[in-house]
């Protein structure tokens, strides 16, 4: 079987998923990442959405001059002319193929629609466009209707028919039969467009190719309306592995591509999403792990290295003695039979109570508590050397059982930072501004809303309501704002960067402050600091996070000269500080203080000056 074209429609049909709306910068970045991953054909948008969408398509065309781009159009002369003006290669002209859609969508008979279709195909050809006819709701269309559409398309010179299972009702056997029937009356290209309402979009796409389809539509992560579309990653690998079809896809690039789309769509990637989910190359079962320790292919048909990943062994309720020995051995702990027998029940209890596998440093804590020894060195998931002195000892009950702590008592000492770090006043904690250290001089103030590090907290908690934390002990989290010293951390200048935004850490403890705030002790392994963070400053490690956005307080440098009325007011390389942000439809802009003068500048005019954590 020859090569099959993957015509990805993430930027058109994928974006139609409820709540998904890509910014211009995100749309261009996704298109560039698709192209870098070997996807050279894309359906990039719909001109009917208006001038802003047209501008986005135009920008994608400019950034990817060699890509094969398609727009989706109704039977509308203006939209076809707009597509030609944008310089795209293909136009998909959509026609309702089923009686139901013709009756309730356009309320016109097929004969009238076919006359108009012929006219629009000829118009597209005169404008230099290649034409695909999108047979909308083809899976509910009658055989005669599809034959009639194919006949007109062939007479007028259309190059491709798109067979759309618009409502996702097909199964692989029916799909193969339908495509085979269409192939009998159509000699041109056939493109399969599958939806996943019954969970068979990928299977239906492969069945269509087996029956004669030459092109397929996909979306990254299966993004799309209702249950989504056929996922790019599974379709591409299925074509190569199951059908022996070359796709040209660079598979190691797919995990990063999927993460980029997940962040732009604000959709978390399911841990068991095929090929790219966090757990798809993770093994816990004792029998499986024992076999994998001998042969990595024993319980894996897909090599993780294909995706630029590696397999991972974890311990849990279903682990056996060989798995415990193997995992601890990888961490540098050499166990005897008695130690394994001690550890296994505790690991299973941990999994039952926490509903997850223990992380490496939690395994070390369990080992230390039960075996009464400390290994010389061990390495955790975060890449940091673990030991008793660094992690600290934690009671076994605290490790094995989730605990919701009582609110802080009156005048409670909250040891989030080193002793003498200062006291945070209630007013300061509530508004997130500068604080006055105990017995010290008040630092220069930071703007309201600035992120602060919390030192020793003092609070009156009479009448405090019960609160449940969002994050639990040992959960891995990410800070979404840079944490700077508000004056409560001894030994650091006010405003000094303590923790860079995007840094990850682990919850050590939590408490309630001012009756309505939860403060967490977060251990950041890279700097080996324990910092107090407010709940709104944290997100779960699995939640999508946009790393590129600048924020208040960032130091930046100008990448291009800025002028007002022809006069250069900011030179290239001049440094400034972000004072405000504005995230608009056309992209981010920022208010920047350059030597005491404030200017509003676009994101592309400035670049972040990386600061060292103090």
Protein backbone atom coordinates (compact mmCIF):
# COMPACT_ATOMS: atom_id res chain seq x y z
CA UNK A 1 0.00 0.00 0.00
CA UNK A 2 1.35 3.44 -0.95
CA UNK A 3 1.62 6.58 1.13
CA UNK A 4 -1.55 8.05 2.67
CA UNK A 5 -1.90 11.79 3.17
CA UNK A 6 -2.70 13.01 6.68
CA UNK A 7 -4.65 16.25 6.32
CA UNK A 8 -4.83 17.44 9.93
CA UNK A 9 -7.80 19.59 10.87
CA UNK A 10 -6.92 20.57 14.45
CA UNK A 11 -6.94 24.25 13.51
CA UNK A 12 -10.44 24.01 12.03
CA UNK A 13 -12.52 21.09 13.27
CA UNK A 14 -10.49 20.59 16.44
CA UNK A 15 -11.03 24.20 17.46
CA UNK A 16 -14.79 23.68 17.16
CA UNK A 17 -14.65 21.72 20.41
CA UNK A 18 -16.71 23.63 23.01
CA UNK A 19 -14.60 26.09 24.95
CA UNK A 20 -11.55 25.81 22.69
CA UNK A 21 -10.40 29.07 21.13
CA UNK A 22 -6.83 29.46 19.91
CA UNK A 23 -5.11 32.83 19.96
CA UNK A 24 -3.28 33.90 16.83
CA UNK A 25 0.09 33.08 18.35
CA UNK A 26 -1.17 29.65 19.47
CA UNK A 27 -2.62 28.84 16.06
CA UNK A 28 0.62 29.70 14.30
CA UNK A 29 2.71 27.80 16.87
CA UNK A 30 0.53 24.68 16.49
CA UNK A 31 0.78 24.86 12.70
CA UNK A 32 4.57 25.18 12.90
CA UNK A 33 4.79 22.26 15.34
CA UNK A 34 2.61 20.11 13.07
CA UNK A 35 4.84 20.87 10.12
CA UNK A 36 7.97 20.10 12.15
CA UNK A 37 6.43 16.75 13.10
CA UNK A 38 6.01 15.81 9.43
CA UNK A 39 2.37 16.86 8.94
CA UNK A 40 2.61 18.98 5.81
CA UNK A 41 -1.12 19.17 4.95
CA UNK A 42 -3.52 21.09 7.22
CA UNK A 43 -7.04 22.44 7.16
CA UNK A 44 -6.40 25.78 8.82
CA UNK A 45 -9.73 27.56 9.19
CA UNK A 46 -12.98 28.97 7.86
CA UNK A 47 -13.01 32.38 6.12
CA UNK A 48 -16.70 32.80 7.03
CA UNK A 49 -15.65 33.45 10.64
CA UNK A 50 -14.55 36.96 9.69
CA UNK A 51 -11.55 39.23 9.35
CA UNK A 52 -9.69 37.98 12.43
CA UNK A 53 -9.82 34.38 11.25
CA UNK A 54 -8.73 35.46 7.78
CA UNK A 55 -5.76 37.27 9.32
CA UNK A 56 -4.82 34.12 11.26
CA UNK A 57 -4.94 31.96 8.13
CA UNK A 58 -2.86 34.54 6.28
CA UNK A 59 -0.23 34.48 9.02
CA UNK A 60 -0.05 30.65 8.95
CA UNK A 61 0.42 30.84 5.18
CA UNK A 62 3.23 33.37 5.62
CA UNK A 63 5.00 31.27 8.26
CA UNK A 64 4.64 27.98 6.34
CA UNK A 65 5.08 28.79 2.64
CA UNK A 66 5.77 25.15 1.72
CA UNK A 67 2.88 23.57 3.62
CA UNK A 68 -0.27 22.38 1.83
CA UNK A 69 -3.08 24.44 3.32
CA UNK A 70 -6.84 24.03 2.98
CA UNK A 71 -9.81 26.14 4.05
CA UNK A 72 -13.36 24.96 4.70
CA UNK A 73 -16.08 26.86 2.84
CA UNK A 74 -19.79 26.76 2.34
CA UNK A 75 -21.20 26.94 -1.18
CA UNK A 76 -20.46 30.64 -1.15
CA UNK A 77 -18.58 32.60 -3.81
CA UNK A 78 -17.18 35.18 -1.37
CA UNK A 79 -15.63 32.53 0.89
CA UNK A 80 -14.03 30.78 -2.10
CA UNK A 81 -12.60 34.08 -3.37
CA UNK A 82 -11.28 34.88 0.12
CA UNK A 83 -9.56 31.48 0.22
CA UNK A 84 -7.86 32.19 -3.08
CA UNK A 85 -6.73 35.62 -1.85
CA UNK A 86 -5.16 33.96 1.20
CA UNK A 87 -2.96 31.83 -1.02
CA UNK A 88 -4.12 28.44 0.26
CA UNK A 89 -3.75 25.40 -1.98
CA UNK A 90 -7.08 23.66 -1.45
CA UNK A 91 -10.64 24.60 -0.69
CA UNK A 92 -13.12 22.14 0.82
CA UNK A 93 -16.60 23.03 -0.47
CA UNK A 94 -19.14 21.49 1.87
CA UNK A 95 -22.49 20.08 0.72
CA UNK A 96 -25.05 18.31 2.94
CA UNK A 97 -25.13 14.74 1.66
CA UNK A 98 -27.98 13.39 3.81
CA UNK A 99 -31.68 14.10 3.39
CA UNK A 100 -31.86 15.15 7.04
CA UNK A 101 -29.27 17.91 6.73
CA UNK A 102 -30.61 19.15 3.40
CA UNK A 103 -34.08 19.35 4.92
CA UNK A 104 -33.21 21.05 8.20
CA UNK A 105 -30.03 22.96 7.31
CA UNK A 106 -30.50 24.39 3.81
CA UNK A 107 -34.08 23.41 2.96
CA UNK A 108 -33.22 22.91 -0.68
CA UNK A 109 -33.49 19.78 -2.87
CA UNK A 110 -30.38 17.95 -4.01
CA UNK A 111 -30.87 18.89 -7.67
CA UNK A 112 -30.68 22.60 -6.88
CA UNK A 113 -27.63 22.13 -4.65
CA UNK A 114 -25.82 20.14 -7.35
CA UNK A 115 -26.29 22.95 -9.88
CA UNK A 116 -24.80 25.43 -7.43
CA UNK A 117 -21.99 23.02 -6.55
CA UNK A 118 -20.92 22.76 -10.18
CA UNK A 119 -20.77 26.54 -10.43
CA UNK A 120 -18.60 26.87 -7.32
CA UNK A 121 -16.20 24.13 -8.39
CA UNK A 122 -15.60 25.97 -11.67
CA UNK A 123 -15.13 29.25 -9.79
CA UNK A 124 -12.51 27.68 -7.52
CA UNK A 125 -10.64 26.31 -10.53
CA UNK A 126 -10.54 29.70 -12.24
CA UNK A 127 -8.99 31.10 -9.05
CA UNK A 128 -6.24 28.49 -9.06
CA UNK A 129 -7.56 26.34 -6.19
CA UNK A 130 -7.68 22.58 -6.00
CA UNK A 131 -11.10 21.38 -4.90
CA UNK A 132 -12.25 18.86 -2.31
CA UNK A 133 -15.99 18.25 -2.01
CA UNK A 134 -16.95 17.75 1.62
CA UNK A 135 -19.85 15.30 1.76
CA UNK A 136 -21.24 16.33 5.12
CA UNK A 137 -23.12 13.58 7.00
CA UNK A 138 -22.17 11.09 4.26
CA UNK A 139 -22.63 8.18 6.67
CA UNK A 140 -26.40 8.89 6.76
CA UNK A 141 -26.68 9.68 3.03
CA UNK A 142 -28.35 7.43 0.51
CA UNK A 143 -26.28 5.64 -2.13
CA UNK A 144 -27.93 7.59 -4.96
CA UNK A 145 -27.20 10.95 -3.35
CA UNK A 146 -23.50 10.13 -2.97
CA UNK A 147 -23.35 8.87 -6.56
CA UNK A 148 -24.93 12.10 -7.79
CA UNK A 149 -22.47 14.27 -5.86
CA UNK A 150 -19.53 12.19 -7.11
CA UNK A 151 -20.76 12.47 -10.71
CA UNK A 152 -20.99 16.28 -10.60
CA UNK A 153 -17.63 16.54 -8.83
CA UNK A 154 -15.96 14.40 -11.46
CA UNK A 155 -17.53 16.27 -14.39
CA UNK A 156 -16.40 19.64 -13.00
CA UNK A 157 -12.86 18.53 -12.17
CA UNK A 158 -12.86 18.25 -8.36
CA UNK A 159 -9.85 16.25 -7.20
CA UNK A 160 -11.06 14.84 -3.88
CA UNK A 161 -14.21 13.69 -2.08
CA UNK A 162 -14.36 13.91 1.71
CA UNK A 163 -16.51 11.18 3.24
CA UNK A 164 -17.62 12.63 6.59
CA UNK A 165 -19.03 10.48 9.38
CA UNK A 166 -20.29 13.73 10.88
CA UNK A 167 -22.19 12.22 13.80
CA UNK A 168 -19.80 9.33 14.45
CA UNK A 169 -22.19 6.43 13.94
CA UNK A 170 -20.07 4.10 11.80
CA UNK A 171 -18.20 0.92 12.71
CA UNK A 172 -15.13 -0.37 10.83
CA UNK A 173 -16.99 -2.98 8.77
CA UNK A 174 -19.64 -0.52 7.60
CA UNK A 175 -16.97 2.10 6.91
CA UNK A 176 -15.06 -0.29 4.67
CA UNK A 177 -18.23 -1.21 2.76
CA UNK A 178 -19.21 2.44 2.25
CA UNK A 179 -15.76 3.50 1.02
CA UNK A 180 -15.58 0.49 -1.30
CA UNK A 181 -18.96 1.46 -2.80
CA UNK A 182 -17.81 5.05 -3.27
CA UNK A 183 -14.59 3.87 -4.93
CA UNK A 184 -16.64 2.10 -7.60
CA UNK A 185 -18.07 5.41 -8.85
CA UNK A 186 -15.21 7.78 -8.02
CA UNK A 187 -11.66 7.48 -9.35
CA UNK A 188 -10.17 10.51 -7.59
CA UNK A 189 -8.90 10.96 -4.05
CA UNK A 190 -11.10 9.90 -1.11
CA UNK A 191 -10.61 11.52 2.27
CA UNK A 192 -12.00 9.93 5.44
CA UNK A 193 -13.31 12.28 8.14
CA UNK A 194 -14.25 10.29 11.26
CA UNK A 195 -15.81 11.34 14.56
CA UNK A 196 -15.39 9.41 17.78
CA UNK A 197 -18.91 9.24 19.23
CA UNK A 198 -18.72 5.45 19.54
CA UNK A 199 -14.98 5.38 20.26
CA UNK A 200 -14.15 4.00 16.81
CA UNK A 201 -12.82 7.03 14.93
CA UNK A 202 -9.28 5.65 14.59
CA UNK A 203 -10.52 2.16 13.67
CA UNK A 204 -12.93 3.60 11.10
CA UNK A 205 -10.14 5.71 9.60
CA UNK A 206 -7.89 2.66 9.19
CA UNK A 207 -10.80 0.67 7.71
CA UNK A 208 -11.40 3.45 5.18
CA UNK A 209 -7.77 3.37 4.08
CA UNK A 210 -7.92 -0.42 3.71
CA UNK A 211 -10.96 0.03 1.45
CA UNK A 212 -9.36 2.65 -0.79
CA UNK A 213 -9.23 6.03 0.96
CA UNK A 214 -6.11 8.00 0.03
CA UNK A 215 -6.32 10.80 2.61
CA UNK A 216 -7.44 11.03 6.23
CA UNK A 217 -8.45 13.83 8.58
CA UNK A 218 -7.08 13.88 12.12
CA UNK A 219 -6.87 16.22 15.08
CA UNK A 220 -4.22 16.33 17.79
CA UNK A 221 -5.40 14.35 20.85
CA UNK A 222 -8.67 13.72 18.97
CA UNK A 223 -9.83 17.26 19.77
CA UNK A 224 -13.23 18.09 18.27
CA UNK A 225 -16.96 18.39 18.74
CA UNK A 226 -18.79 16.03 21.11
CA UNK A 227 -16.48 13.00 21.57
CA UNK A 228 -13.91 14.43 19.17
CA UNK A 229 -12.25 13.25 15.97
CA UNK A 230 -9.73 10.60 15.00
CA UNK A 231 -6.53 11.33 16.95
CA UNK A 232 -3.45 12.17 14.90
CA UNK A 233 -1.10 10.15 17.07
CA UNK A 234 -3.07 6.87 16.97
CA UNK A 235 -4.04 7.17 13.29
CA UNK A 236 -0.44 7.80 12.25
CA UNK A 237 1.00 4.88 14.20
CA UNK A 238 -1.94 2.65 13.23
CA UNK A 239 -1.32 3.33 9.55
CA UNK A 240 2.34 2.43 9.88
CA UNK A 241 2.03 -0.54 12.25
CA UNK A 242 -1.26 -2.12 11.13
CA UNK A 243 -1.38 -1.29 7.43
CA UNK A 244 2.28 -0.78 6.57
CA UNK A 245 1.58 2.70 5.23
CA UNK A 246 4.25 5.38 5.35
CA UNK A 247 3.04 8.66 6.85
CA UNK A 248 6.19 10.74 7.15
CA UNK A 249 5.32 11.52 10.80
CA UNK A 250 8.22 12.16 13.19
CA UNK A 251 6.84 10.32 16.22
CA UNK A 252 9.26 11.62 18.90
CA UNK A 253 7.86 15.10 18.21
CA UNK A 254 4.27 14.10 19.03
CA UNK A 255 4.37 14.24 22.87
CA UNK A 256 5.52 17.88 22.82
CA UNK A 257 3.02 18.69 20.06
CA UNK A 258 0.18 17.18 22.09
CA UNK A 259 1.28 19.08 25.19
CA UNK A 260 1.31 22.34 23.23
CA UNK A 261 -2.26 21.78 22.04
CA UNK A 262 -3.40 20.69 25.50
CA UNK A 263 -2.05 23.93 26.96
CA UNK A 264 -3.61 26.08 24.24
CA UNK A 265 -6.96 24.28 24.62
CA UNK A 266 -6.71 24.18 28.42
CA UNK A 267 -7.46 20.45 28.30
CA UNK A 268 -5.46 18.07 30.47
CA UNK A 269 -4.06 15.05 28.64
CA UNK A 270 -5.68 11.89 29.95
CA UNK A 271 -2.98 9.84 31.76
CA UNK A 272 -4.01 6.86 29.62
CA UNK A 273 -4.22 8.75 26.30
CA UNK A 274 -2.66 6.29 23.82
CA UNK A 275 1.01 6.93 23.09
CA UNK A 276 1.27 10.31 24.87
CA UNK A 277 -0.49 9.84 28.23
CA UNK A 278 1.60 9.87 31.39
CA UNK A 279 0.83 6.24 32.29
CA UNK A 280 0.85 4.46 28.93
CA UNK A 281 4.41 3.19 29.41
CA UNK A 282 4.06 2.68 33.17
CA UNK A 283 3.76 -0.77 34.78
CA UNK A 284 2.73 -1.80 38.29
CA UNK A 285 1.37 -5.35 38.21
CA UNK A 286 3.76 -7.76 39.88
CA UNK A 287 3.65 -10.38 37.12
CA UNK A 288 4.16 -7.73 34.43
CA UNK A 289 6.99 -5.97 36.21
CA UNK A 290 8.79 -9.23 36.92
CA UNK A 291 8.68 -10.08 33.22
CA UNK A 292 9.66 -6.56 32.13
CA UNK A 293 12.72 -6.66 34.35
CA UNK A 294 13.88 -9.62 32.25
CA UNK A 295 12.66 -8.43 28.81
CA UNK A 296 11.36 -4.93 28.15
CA UNK A 297 9.18 -6.17 25.26
CA UNK A 298 7.36 -8.82 27.27
CA UNK A 299 4.37 -6.59 28.05
CA UNK A 300 4.86 -3.78 25.50
CA UNK A 301 4.10 -3.92 21.78
CA UNK A 302 5.21 -0.32 21.21
CA UNK A 303 8.70 0.71 22.19
CA UNK A 304 8.54 3.90 24.29
CA UNK A 305 11.67 5.10 22.48
CA UNK A 306 9.54 5.49 19.33
CA UNK A 307 7.85 8.41 21.07
CA UNK A 308 11.05 9.66 22.65
CA UNK A 309 10.01 8.17 25.99
CA UNK A 310 11.06 5.28 28.26
CA UNK A 311 9.11 2.74 30.23
CA UNK A 312 8.63 3.24 33.96
CA UNK A 313 8.12 0.75 36.77
CA UNK A 314 6.08 1.83 39.79
CA UNK A 315 4.92 0.10 42.94
CA UNK A 316 1.36 -0.22 44.16
CA UNK A 317 -1.34 -2.57 45.36
CA UNK A 318 -0.63 -5.15 42.65
CA UNK A 319 3.14 -5.20 43.00
CA UNK A 320 5.01 -8.32 43.99
CA UNK A 321 8.30 -9.00 45.75
CA UNK A 322 10.37 -9.00 42.56
CA UNK A 323 8.92 -5.62 41.61
CA UNK A 324 9.73 -4.14 45.02
CA UNK A 325 13.27 -5.47 44.82
CA UNK A 326 13.71 -4.23 41.23
CA UNK A 327 12.39 -0.71 41.82
CA UNK A 328 14.42 -0.20 45.00
CA UNK A 329 17.46 -1.62 43.27
CA UNK A 330 17.10 1.04 40.54
CA UNK A 331 17.13 3.69 43.29
CA UNK A 332 20.32 2.29 44.80
CA UNK A 333 18.78 0.28 47.64
CA UNK A 334 19.72 -3.39 47.85
CA UNK A 335 17.07 -5.18 49.87
CA UNK A 336 17.11 -8.53 51.61
CA UNK A 337 14.06 -10.83 51.83
CA UNK A 338 13.05 -9.57 55.28
CA UNK A 339 13.06 -5.95 54.15
CA UNK A 340 10.97 -6.76 51.08
CA UNK A 341 8.42 -8.53 53.29
CA UNK A 342 8.23 -5.43 55.49
CA UNK A 343 7.89 -2.95 52.64
CA UNK A 344 5.33 -4.72 50.45
CA UNK A 345 2.30 -4.45 52.82
CA UNK A 346 3.09 -0.78 53.53
CA UNK A 347 3.32 0.03 49.81
CA UNK A 348 -0.02 -1.66 49.19
CA UNK A 349 -1.60 0.26 52.08
CA UNK A 350 -0.22 3.51 50.66
CA UNK A 351 -1.78 2.78 47.25
CA UNK A 352 -5.17 1.93 48.78
CA UNK A 353 -5.32 5.11 50.85
CA UNK A 354 -3.74 7.63 48.47
CA UNK A 355 -5.23 6.10 45.30
CA UNK A 356 -1.91 6.34 43.47
CA UNK A 357 1.59 4.91 43.38
CA UNK A 358 4.18 6.30 45.82
CA UNK A 359 6.84 8.58 44.43
CA UNK A 360 10.48 7.72 44.85
CA UNK A 361 11.04 9.93 47.87
CA UNK A 362 7.93 8.47 49.51
CA UNK A 363 9.36 5.00 49.01
CA UNK A 364 12.54 6.23 50.67
CA UNK A 365 10.49 7.56 53.62
CA UNK A 366 8.68 4.22 53.98
CA UNK A 367 11.99 2.39 53.82
CA UNK A 368 13.53 4.63 56.48
CA UNK A 369 10.59 4.19 58.82
CA UNK A 370 10.28 0.44 58.46
CA UNK A 371 13.84 -0.69 57.99
CA UNK A 372 15.50 1.78 60.35
CA UNK A 373 18.38 2.49 57.97
CA UNK A 374 19.40 5.18 55.54
CA UNK A 375 20.98 4.33 52.21
CA UNK A 376 23.96 6.40 51.29
CA UNK A 377 22.37 7.83 48.17
CA UNK A 378 19.17 7.48 46.13
CA UNK A 379 17.78 9.44 43.27
CA UNK A 380 14.11 10.54 43.03
CA UNK A 381 11.80 11.31 40.12
CA UNK A 382 12.76 14.97 40.37
CA UNK A 383 16.42 14.11 39.79
CA UNK A 384 17.51 15.26 43.26
CA UNK A 385 19.58 13.14 45.62
CA UNK A 386 17.41 11.94 48.46
CA UNK A 387 18.48 11.25 52.01
CA UNK A 388 17.21 11.47 55.55
CA UNK A 389 18.95 14.78 56.09
CA UNK A 390 17.39 16.38 53.02
CA UNK A 391 13.87 15.03 53.08
CA UNK A 392 13.43 14.80 56.80
CA UNK A 393 11.75 11.96 58.60
CA UNK A 394 7.99 11.66 58.49
CA UNK A 395 5.88 9.33 60.60
CA UNK A 396 4.75 6.17 58.86
CA UNK A 397 1.11 6.91 59.67
CA UNK A 398 1.45 10.31 57.99
CA UNK A 399 2.95 8.65 54.91
CA UNK A 400 0.39 5.89 54.58
CA UNK A 401 -2.81 7.76 55.46
CA UNK A 402 -4.15 11.03 54.00
CA UNK A 403 -4.70 13.54 56.81
CA UNK A 404 -6.73 16.75 56.70
CA UNK A 405 -5.08 19.01 59.22
CA UNK A 406 -6.90 21.13 61.76
CA UNK A 407 -6.83 24.90 61.17
CA UNK A 408 -3.93 26.83 62.66
CA UNK A 409 -4.38 27.59 66.32
CA UNK A 410 -4.14 31.15 67.64
CA UNK A 411 -0.67 32.66 67.25
CA UNK A 412 0.47 29.43 65.60
CA UNK A 413 4.06 29.29 64.45
CA UNK A 414 3.99 28.30 60.78
CA UNK A 415 7.54 27.18 59.92
CA UNK A 416 7.42 27.75 56.17
CA UNK A 417 10.77 29.53 56.05
CA UNK A 418 13.91 29.61 58.20
CA UNK A 419 13.58 30.91 61.73
CA UNK A 420 13.62 34.69 61.96
CA UNK A 421 12.11 35.13 58.52
CA UNK A 422 9.53 37.54 59.94
CA UNK A 423 5.83 37.75 60.65
CA UNK A 424 3.21 38.34 57.97
CA UNK A 425 0.47 40.70 59.06
CA UNK A 426 -3.17 39.78 58.31
CA UNK A 427 -3.54 42.84 56.08
CA UNK A 428 -0.44 41.91 54.10
CA UNK A 429 -1.45 38.27 53.69
CA UNK A 430 -4.93 39.24 52.50
CA UNK A 431 -3.86 41.63 49.77
CA UNK A 432 -0.54 40.03 48.84
CA UNK A 433 1.49 43.25 49.26
CA UNK A 434 4.69 44.01 51.12
CA UNK A 435 5.08 42.96 54.74
CA UNK A 436 6.94 44.40 57.69
CA UNK A 437 9.43 41.94 59.20
CA UNK A 438 9.29 41.51 62.96
CA UNK A 439 11.60 44.00 64.61
CA UNK A 440 12.95 45.22 61.29
CA UNK A 441 12.67 48.06 58.87
CA UNK A 442 9.74 48.02 56.48
CA UNK A 443 10.95 47.17 52.95
CA UNK A 444 9.97 49.09 49.86
CA UNK A 445 6.45 48.17 48.88
CA UNK A 446 5.49 45.89 46.03
CA UNK A 447 2.39 46.51 43.91
CA UNK A 448 -0.88 45.03 45.15
CA UNK A 449 -1.37 41.54 43.83
CA UNK A 450 2.34 40.76 43.63
CA UNK A 451 3.21 37.20 44.60
CA UNK A 452 4.84 36.95 48.02
CA UNK A 453 6.58 34.33 50.11
CA UNK A 454 5.00 33.75 53.50
CA UNK A 455 7.15 33.54 56.56
CA UNK A 456 6.03 32.74 60.09
CA UNK A 457 2.31 33.43 60.19
CA UNK A 458 0.38 34.93 63.06
CA UNK A 459 -3.39 34.64 63.00
CA UNK A 460 -6.46 34.79 65.17
CA UNK A 461 -8.61 31.83 64.25
CA UNK A 462 -11.63 32.04 66.53
CA UNK A 463 -14.73 31.04 64.61
CA UNK A 464 -12.65 29.60 61.82
CA UNK A 465 -14.64 27.49 59.41
CA UNK A 466 -13.45 24.04 58.36
CA UNK A 467 -11.65 24.01 55.02
CA UNK A 468 -10.51 21.15 52.87
CA UNK A 469 -7.30 21.60 50.90
CA UNK A 470 -7.15 21.25 47.16
CA UNK A 471 -3.74 19.59 47.40
CA UNK A 472 -2.65 16.77 49.70
CA UNK A 473 0.56 15.70 51.37
CA UNK A 474 3.35 14.78 48.91
CA UNK A 475 1.31 15.85 45.87
CA UNK A 476 3.43 17.38 43.13
CA UNK A 477 2.39 20.90 42.17
CA UNK A 478 3.56 23.77 39.97
CA UNK A 479 3.74 27.47 40.88
CA UNK A 480 2.15 29.62 38.19
CA UNK A 481 3.67 32.90 39.36
CA UNK A 482 7.20 33.86 40.28
CA UNK A 483 7.50 34.05 44.06
CA UNK A 484 9.45 37.07 45.25
CA UNK A 485 10.49 38.14 48.71
CA UNK A 486 8.00 40.57 50.20
CA UNK A 487 10.37 41.34 53.03
CA UNK A 488 9.46 38.40 55.26
CA UNK A 489 12.40 36.21 54.25
CA UNK A 490 15.57 37.03 56.11
CA UNK A 491 18.78 37.21 54.12
CA UNK A 492 17.15 38.18 50.83
CA UNK A 493 16.49 41.62 49.39
CA UNK A 494 12.86 42.68 49.03
CA UNK A 495 11.64 41.70 45.57
CA UNK A 496 14.33 39.05 45.14
CA UNK A 497 13.26 36.04 43.12
CA UNK A 498 12.84 33.05 45.45
CA UNK A 499 11.10 30.56 43.17
CA UNK A 500 10.82 30.83 39.40
CA UNK A 501 7.33 30.43 37.96
CA UNK A 502 6.80 27.00 36.47
CA UNK A 503 8.94 25.40 39.19
CA UNK A 504 7.60 22.17 40.60
CA UNK A 505 7.59 21.02 44.19
CA UNK A 506 5.87 18.75 46.67
CA UNK A 507 3.31 19.57 49.36
CA UNK A 508 4.80 19.09 52.82
CA UNK A 509 2.00 20.51 54.97
CA UNK A 510 -0.86 22.98 54.98
CA UNK A 511 -2.78 25.25 57.29
CA UNK A 512 -5.61 27.78 57.38
CA UNK A 513 -4.94 31.48 57.81
CA UNK A 514 -7.43 34.33 58.37
CA UNK A 515 -10.30 31.83 58.22
CA UNK A 516 -10.45 31.89 54.42
CA UNK A 517 -6.94 31.19 53.12
CA UNK A 518 -5.07 27.93 52.80
CA UNK A 519 -1.28 28.17 52.90
CA UNK A 520 0.87 25.24 51.78
CA UNK A 521 4.41 24.32 52.66
CA UNK A 522 5.98 23.47 49.30
CA UNK A 523 9.38 21.82 49.05
CA UNK A 524 11.17 22.82 45.83
CA UNK A 525 13.83 20.13 45.31
CA UNK A 526 15.90 22.04 42.76
CA UNK A 527 16.72 24.80 45.23
CA UNK A 528 16.03 22.66 48.31
CA UNK A 529 13.77 25.39 49.74
CA UNK A 530 10.51 25.14 51.62
CA UNK A 531 8.32 28.12 50.76
CA UNK A 532 4.80 29.08 51.78
CA UNK A 533 2.41 29.35 48.83
CA UNK A 534 -1.23 30.36 48.57
CA UNK A 535 -3.61 27.92 46.94
CA UNK A 536 -4.28 30.23 43.98
CA UNK A 537 -0.55 30.26 43.19
CA UNK A 538 -0.50 26.49 42.59
CA UNK A 539 -1.84 24.07 40.02
CA UNK A 540 -1.63 20.27 39.88
CA UNK A 541 1.36 19.02 37.95
CA UNK A 542 -1.02 17.36 35.45
CA UNK A 543 -2.84 20.60 34.59
CA UNK A 544 -1.80 22.32 31.34
CA UNK A 545 0.42 25.33 31.92
CA UNK A 546 1.48 28.06 29.48
CA UNK A 547 5.14 28.63 30.07
CA UNK A 548 5.69 31.51 27.69
CA UNK A 549 3.65 34.32 29.20
CA UNK A 550 5.39 37.19 30.94
CA UNK A 551 3.98 38.53 34.20
CA UNK A 552 4.10 41.43 36.59
CA UNK A 553 7.59 42.11 37.96
CA UNK A 554 9.52 40.31 35.20
CA UNK A 555 12.69 42.02 34.00
CA UNK A 556 12.77 42.30 30.22
CA UNK A 557 14.97 43.66 27.43
CA UNK A 558 13.76 45.44 24.31
CA UNK A 559 14.35 43.45 21.11
CA UNK A 560 13.62 46.33 18.73
CA UNK A 561 13.76 50.10 18.86
CA UNK A 562 10.50 51.69 20.00
CA UNK A 563 9.46 55.07 18.66
CA UNK A 564 6.74 57.62 19.39
CA UNK A 565 5.94 60.07 16.57
CA UNK A 566 9.14 59.05 14.85
CA UNK A 567 11.35 59.62 17.88
CA UNK A 568 13.14 56.58 19.32
CA UNK A 569 12.24 56.40 23.01
CA UNK A 570 13.52 52.90 23.85
CA UNK A 571 16.72 51.56 22.33
CA UNK A 572 17.43 47.95 21.42
CA UNK A 573 18.71 46.11 24.48
CA UNK A 574 17.33 48.63 26.98
CA UNK A 575 16.07 46.94 30.12
CA UNK A 576 12.73 47.42 31.78
CA UNK A 577 10.23 45.84 34.14
CA UNK A 578 6.70 44.54 33.49
CA UNK A 579 4.13 46.63 35.37
CA UNK A 580 0.90 45.30 33.79
CA UNK A 581 -0.25 42.70 31.26
CA UNK A 582 -3.03 42.67 28.68
CA UNK A 583 -3.99 39.43 27.01
CA UNK A 584 -6.05 40.31 23.95
CA UNK A 585 -7.36 38.48 20.90
CA UNK A 586 -4.51 39.71 18.71
CA UNK A 587 -1.84 38.70 21.21
CA UNK A 588 -0.25 39.76 24.46
CA UNK A 589 0.87 43.30 25.20
CA UNK A 590 2.57 44.68 28.29
CA UNK A 591 3.03 47.93 30.15
CA UNK A 592 6.78 48.22 30.73
CA UNK A 593 8.73 50.65 32.87
CA UNK A 594 11.81 51.73 30.90
CA UNK A 595 13.91 54.02 33.11
CA UNK A 596 10.88 55.62 34.71
CA UNK A 597 8.84 55.96 31.50
CA UNK A 598 5.95 53.56 30.98
CA UNK A 599 5.09 52.26 27.51
CA UNK A 600 2.62 49.68 26.27
CA UNK A 601 4.49 47.32 23.96
CA UNK A 602 3.61 44.12 22.07
CA UNK A 603 4.96 40.79 23.29
CA UNK A 604 7.26 40.35 20.29
CA UNK A 605 9.11 43.58 21.14
CA UNK A 606 10.51 42.34 24.45
CA UNK A 607 12.24 39.27 25.79
CA UNK A 608 12.53 37.93 29.32
CA UNK A 609 15.80 38.45 31.17
CA UNK A 610 16.31 35.24 33.05
CA UNK A 611 16.90 35.92 36.74
CA UNK A 612 18.78 33.68 39.10
CA UNK A 613 16.96 32.47 42.15
CA UNK A 614 18.62 34.20 45.08
